[in-house]
């Protein structure tokens, strides 16, 4: 069996704000979570440096309900999911792309 590739993301970080939960027309919960990961290193002069990346996390159904109940700003999370990019249009009709980690 030929593999078509692997799309797997593992993140450990801190939640930037309480999850935002909405519901589909069918009543399924969808939670959006903002997760920060930070890297620290020393530059060539020995000065400490830090960079924070913000990741958009999306969960559905039971996981979204659990996130709404248990996840809060500052929570430390371990996330496993896949990268997914979706296309949408802004108020000016311009195509925009958003990459998210779908759990």
N, C-alpha and C. Protein backbone atom coordinates (compact mmCIF):
# COMPACT_ATOMS: atom_id res chain seq x y z
N UNK A 1 0.85 -1.18 0.00
CA UNK A 1 0.00 0.00 0.00
C UNK A 1 0.89 1.25 0.00
N UNK A 2 0.71 2.09 -0.98
CA UNK A 2 1.51 3.32 -1.04
C UNK A 2 0.89 4.38 -0.14
N UNK A 3 1.74 5.00 0.67
CA UNK A 3 1.27 6.08 1.54
C UNK A 3 1.12 7.35 0.72
N UNK A 4 0.06 8.09 0.99
CA UNK A 4 -0.14 9.38 0.33
C UNK A 4 0.45 10.51 1.15
N UNK A 5 1.15 10.16 2.24
CA UNK A 5 1.75 11.17 3.09
C UNK A 5 1.16 11.10 4.49
N UNK A 6 1.72 11.90 5.36
CA UNK A 6 1.27 11.95 6.75
C UNK A 6 0.96 13.40 7.09
N UNK A 7 -0.21 13.63 7.64
CA UNK A 7 -0.62 14.96 8.09
C UNK A 7 -0.98 14.83 9.56
N UNK A 8 0.03 14.98 10.42
CA UNK A 8 -0.18 14.85 11.86
C UNK A 8 0.56 15.96 12.58
N UNK A 9 -0.14 16.60 13.50
CA UNK A 9 0.42 17.70 14.26
C UNK A 9 0.30 17.38 15.75
N UNK A 10 1.39 17.58 16.48
CA UNK A 10 1.35 17.45 17.94
C UNK A 10 1.83 18.78 18.51
N UNK A 11 1.01 19.39 19.36
CA UNK A 11 1.36 20.66 19.99
C UNK A 11 1.17 20.56 21.49
N UNK A 12 2.06 21.19 22.24
CA UNK A 12 1.88 21.36 23.67
C UNK A 12 2.08 22.85 23.93
N UNK A 13 1.06 23.49 24.48
CA UNK A 13 1.16 24.93 24.69
C UNK A 13 0.11 25.42 25.66
N UNK A 14 -0.02 26.74 25.72
CA UNK A 14 -0.96 27.37 26.64
C UNK A 14 -2.06 28.09 25.86
N UNK A 15 -3.26 28.02 26.38
CA UNK A 15 -4.44 28.61 25.74
C UNK A 15 -4.43 30.12 25.96
N UNK A 16 -4.66 30.87 24.88
CA UNK A 16 -4.60 32.33 24.94
C UNK A 16 -5.87 32.98 25.45
N UNK A 17 -7.00 32.32 25.27
CA UNK A 17 -8.28 32.86 25.75
C UNK A 17 -9.26 31.70 25.87
N UNK A 18 -10.34 31.92 26.62
CA UNK A 18 -11.34 30.86 26.75
C UNK A 18 -11.82 30.44 25.36
N UNK A 19 -12.10 29.15 25.17
CA UNK A 19 -12.56 28.68 23.86
C UNK A 19 -13.83 29.41 23.41
N UNK A 20 -13.93 29.63 22.11
CA UNK A 20 -15.15 30.20 21.52
C UNK A 20 -15.92 29.04 20.92
N UNK A 21 -17.15 28.84 21.41
CA UNK A 21 -17.95 27.71 20.95
C UNK A 21 -19.17 28.22 20.20
N UNK A 22 -19.42 27.64 19.03
CA UNK A 22 -20.64 27.94 18.27
C UNK A 22 -21.25 26.61 17.87
N UNK A 23 -22.42 26.69 17.28
CA UNK A 23 -23.13 25.47 16.92
C UNK A 23 -23.51 25.49 15.44
N UNK A 24 -23.37 24.35 14.79
CA UNK A 24 -23.76 24.22 13.39
C UNK A 24 -25.29 24.23 13.33
N UNK A 25 -25.86 24.45 12.13
CA UNK A 25 -27.33 24.38 12.01
C UNK A 25 -27.89 23.04 12.51
N UNK A 26 -27.08 21.99 12.43
CA UNK A 26 -27.51 20.67 12.92
C UNK A 26 -27.34 20.48 14.41
N UNK A 27 -26.81 21.50 15.10
CA UNK A 27 -26.68 21.44 16.55
C UNK A 27 -25.35 20.92 17.06
N UNK A 28 -24.39 20.65 16.15
CA UNK A 28 -23.09 20.15 16.60
C UNK A 28 -22.23 21.31 17.11
N UNK A 29 -21.59 21.10 18.26
CA UNK A 29 -20.71 22.11 18.82
C UNK A 29 -19.39 22.17 18.05
N UNK A 30 -18.89 23.40 17.85
CA UNK A 30 -17.59 23.63 17.23
C UNK A 30 -16.83 24.60 18.14
N UNK A 31 -15.68 24.17 18.67
CA UNK A 31 -14.89 25.03 19.55
C UNK A 31 -13.63 25.48 18.84
N UNK A 32 -13.35 26.77 18.93
CA UNK A 32 -12.10 27.35 18.42
C UNK A 32 -11.23 27.72 19.61
N UNK A 33 -9.99 27.25 19.57
CA UNK A 33 -9.05 27.48 20.67
C UNK A 33 -7.78 28.10 20.09
N UNK A 34 -7.29 29.13 20.75
CA UNK A 34 -6.04 29.76 20.37
C UNK A 34 -4.94 29.24 21.30
N UNK A 35 -3.93 28.57 20.72
CA UNK A 35 -2.89 27.91 21.51
C UNK A 35 -1.52 28.51 21.18
N UNK A 36 -0.77 28.87 22.21
CA UNK A 36 0.57 29.44 22.03
C UNK A 36 1.64 28.41 22.34
N UNK A 37 2.63 28.33 21.46
CA UNK A 37 3.84 27.56 21.74
C UNK A 37 5.01 28.54 21.67
N UNK A 38 5.99 28.34 22.54
CA UNK A 38 7.14 29.25 22.58
C UNK A 38 8.44 28.49 22.43
N UNK A 39 9.36 29.09 21.70
CA UNK A 39 10.72 28.56 21.56
C UNK A 39 11.67 29.54 22.22
N UNK A 40 12.64 29.00 22.93
CA UNK A 40 13.67 29.85 23.53
C UNK A 40 15.04 29.37 23.05
N UNK A 41 15.92 30.32 22.80
CA UNK A 41 17.28 30.00 22.38
C UNK A 41 18.18 31.18 22.69
N UNK A 42 19.48 30.96 22.55
CA UNK A 42 20.45 32.04 22.72
C UNK A 42 21.00 32.41 21.34
N UNK A 43 21.06 33.71 21.07
CA UNK A 43 21.63 34.14 19.79
C UNK A 43 23.15 34.03 19.84
N UNK A 44 23.82 34.43 18.76
CA UNK A 44 25.28 34.24 18.68
C UNK A 44 26.03 35.07 19.72
N UNK A 45 25.37 36.09 20.28
CA UNK A 45 26.00 36.88 21.35
C UNK A 45 25.66 36.35 22.73
N UNK A 46 24.93 35.22 22.78
CA UNK A 46 24.58 34.64 24.07
C UNK A 46 23.35 35.26 24.71
N UNK A 47 22.67 36.14 23.97
CA UNK A 47 21.47 36.78 24.51
C UNK A 47 20.26 35.85 24.35
N UNK A 48 19.47 35.70 25.42
CA UNK A 48 18.29 34.85 25.30
C UNK A 48 17.26 35.45 24.35
N UNK A 49 16.69 34.61 23.51
CA UNK A 49 15.66 35.02 22.56
C UNK A 49 14.44 34.13 22.76
N UNK A 50 13.28 34.64 22.39
CA UNK A 50 12.07 33.85 22.49
C UNK A 50 11.13 34.21 21.34
N UNK A 51 10.48 33.20 20.79
CA UNK A 51 9.47 33.45 19.76
C UNK A 51 8.24 32.63 20.10
N UNK A 52 7.09 33.27 20.03
CA UNK A 52 5.82 32.60 20.30
C UNK A 52 5.04 32.45 19.00
N UNK A 53 4.55 31.26 18.76
CA UNK A 53 3.67 30.98 17.62
C UNK A 53 2.26 30.77 18.16
N UNK A 54 1.28 31.33 17.47
CA UNK A 54 -0.13 31.13 17.83
C UNK A 54 -0.75 30.18 16.82
N UNK A 55 -1.44 29.18 17.33
CA UNK A 55 -2.06 28.15 16.49
C UNK A 55 -3.57 28.19 16.68
N UNK A 56 -4.29 28.05 15.58
CA UNK A 56 -5.76 27.96 15.62
C UNK A 56 -6.14 26.49 15.71
N UNK A 57 -6.84 26.13 16.77
CA UNK A 57 -7.27 24.75 16.99
C UNK A 57 -8.79 24.69 16.84
N UNK A 58 -9.28 23.65 16.16
CA UNK A 58 -10.73 23.47 16.00
C UNK A 58 -11.10 22.07 16.46
N UNK A 59 -12.12 21.98 17.32
CA UNK A 59 -12.64 20.69 17.75
C UNK A 59 -14.15 20.66 17.51
N UNK A 60 -14.67 19.47 17.33
CA UNK A 60 -16.09 19.31 17.02
C UNK A 60 -16.78 18.37 18.01
N UNK A 61 -18.09 18.49 18.09
CA UNK A 61 -18.91 17.52 18.83
C UNK A 61 -18.56 17.43 20.30
N UNK A 62 -18.41 16.19 20.77
CA UNK A 62 -18.16 15.93 22.20
C UNK A 62 -16.88 16.63 22.68
N UNK A 63 -15.83 16.61 21.84
CA UNK A 63 -14.59 17.28 22.23
C UNK A 63 -14.79 18.78 22.40
N UNK A 64 -15.62 19.38 21.56
CA UNK A 64 -15.91 20.81 21.68
C UNK A 64 -16.66 21.09 22.97
N UNK A 65 -17.61 20.21 23.33
CA UNK A 65 -18.34 20.36 24.59
C UNK A 65 -17.39 20.28 25.78
N UNK A 66 -16.47 19.31 25.72
CA UNK A 66 -15.50 19.13 26.81
C UNK A 66 -14.59 20.36 26.90
N UNK A 67 -14.15 20.86 25.75
CA UNK A 67 -13.29 22.05 25.73
C UNK A 67 -14.01 23.23 26.38
N UNK A 68 -15.29 23.39 26.06
CA UNK A 68 -16.07 24.50 26.63
C UNK A 68 -16.14 24.38 28.15
N UNK A 69 -16.26 23.17 28.65
CA UNK A 69 -16.39 22.95 30.09
C UNK A 69 -15.06 23.08 30.83
N UNK A 70 -13.98 22.58 30.24
CA UNK A 70 -12.73 22.41 30.99
C UNK A 70 -11.59 23.34 30.61
N UNK A 71 -11.56 23.82 29.38
CA UNK A 71 -10.41 24.60 28.90
C UNK A 71 -10.64 26.08 29.20
N UNK A 72 -9.64 26.71 29.77
CA UNK A 72 -9.69 28.14 30.09
C UNK A 72 -8.39 28.81 29.66
N UNK A 73 -8.44 30.13 29.57
CA UNK A 73 -7.23 30.90 29.29
C UNK A 73 -6.15 30.47 30.27
N UNK A 74 -4.95 30.18 29.75
CA UNK A 74 -3.84 29.76 30.59
C UNK A 74 -3.70 28.26 30.74
N UNK A 75 -4.75 27.50 30.37
CA UNK A 75 -4.68 26.04 30.46
C UNK A 75 -3.53 25.52 29.60
N UNK A 76 -2.85 24.48 30.08
CA UNK A 76 -1.83 23.83 29.27
C UNK A 76 -2.50 22.66 28.55
N UNK A 77 -2.32 22.59 27.23
CA UNK A 77 -2.97 21.55 26.43
C UNK A 77 -1.96 20.76 25.63
N UNK A 78 -2.25 19.47 25.50
CA UNK A 78 -1.56 18.59 24.55
C UNK A 78 -2.57 18.32 23.45
N UNK A 79 -2.22 18.63 22.23
CA UNK A 79 -3.14 18.52 21.09
C UNK A 79 -2.54 17.60 20.04
N UNK A 80 -3.35 16.69 19.52
CA UNK A 80 -2.98 15.92 18.33
C UNK A 80 -4.06 16.16 17.29
N UNK A 81 -3.65 16.50 16.08
CA UNK A 81 -4.62 16.74 15.03
C UNK A 81 -3.95 16.76 13.67
N UNK A 82 -4.65 17.37 12.72
CA UNK A 82 -4.11 17.48 11.36
C UNK A 82 -4.25 18.92 10.89
N UNK A 83 -3.34 19.33 10.02
CA UNK A 83 -3.41 20.67 9.43
C UNK A 83 -4.45 20.68 8.32
N UNK A 84 -5.25 21.73 8.33
CA UNK A 84 -6.26 21.88 7.28
C UNK A 84 -6.37 23.36 6.94
N UNK A 85 -6.34 23.67 5.66
CA UNK A 85 -6.46 25.06 5.20
C UNK A 85 -7.80 25.23 4.52
N UNK A 86 -8.52 26.27 4.92
CA UNK A 86 -9.81 26.53 4.27
C UNK A 86 -9.79 27.93 3.65
N UNK A 87 -10.56 28.06 2.59
CA UNK A 87 -10.64 29.30 1.84
C UNK A 87 -11.95 30.00 2.20
N UNK A 88 -11.89 31.32 2.37
CA UNK A 88 -13.09 32.10 2.66
C UNK A 88 -12.92 33.48 2.05
N UNK A 89 -14.00 34.25 2.01
CA UNK A 89 -13.93 35.59 1.43
C UNK A 89 -14.17 36.64 2.49
N UNK A 90 -13.34 37.70 2.44
CA UNK A 90 -13.51 38.79 3.39
C UNK A 90 -14.61 39.74 2.91
N UNK A 91 -14.80 40.84 3.65
CA UNK A 91 -15.88 41.79 3.34
C UNK A 91 -15.72 42.46 1.99
N UNK A 92 -14.50 42.43 1.43
CA UNK A 92 -14.24 43.05 0.14
C UNK A 92 -14.25 42.04 -1.00
N UNK A 93 -14.67 40.82 -0.69
CA UNK A 93 -14.73 39.78 -1.71
C UNK A 93 -13.38 39.15 -2.04
N UNK A 94 -12.36 39.46 -1.24
CA UNK A 94 -11.03 38.90 -1.47
C UNK A 94 -10.94 37.50 -0.87
N UNK A 95 -10.31 36.59 -1.61
CA UNK A 95 -10.10 35.24 -1.08
C UNK A 95 -9.05 35.29 0.02
N UNK A 96 -9.35 34.63 1.12
CA UNK A 96 -8.43 34.51 2.25
C UNK A 96 -8.29 33.03 2.59
N UNK A 97 -7.19 32.70 3.22
CA UNK A 97 -6.94 31.32 3.61
C UNK A 97 -6.59 31.26 5.08
N UNK A 98 -7.14 30.30 5.77
CA UNK A 98 -6.86 30.11 7.19
C UNK A 98 -6.42 28.67 7.40
N UNK A 99 -5.26 28.50 8.03
CA UNK A 99 -4.77 27.16 8.34
C UNK A 99 -5.03 26.88 9.81
N UNK A 100 -5.65 25.73 10.07
CA UNK A 100 -6.04 25.35 11.42
C UNK A 100 -5.57 23.94 11.72
N UNK A 101 -5.48 23.62 13.01
CA UNK A 101 -5.24 22.25 13.44
C UNK A 101 -6.59 21.68 13.83
N UNK A 102 -7.04 20.68 13.08
CA UNK A 102 -8.34 20.06 13.36
C UNK A 102 -8.09 18.83 14.22
N UNK A 103 -8.75 18.80 15.39
CA UNK A 103 -8.56 17.71 16.35
C UNK A 103 -9.67 16.69 16.17
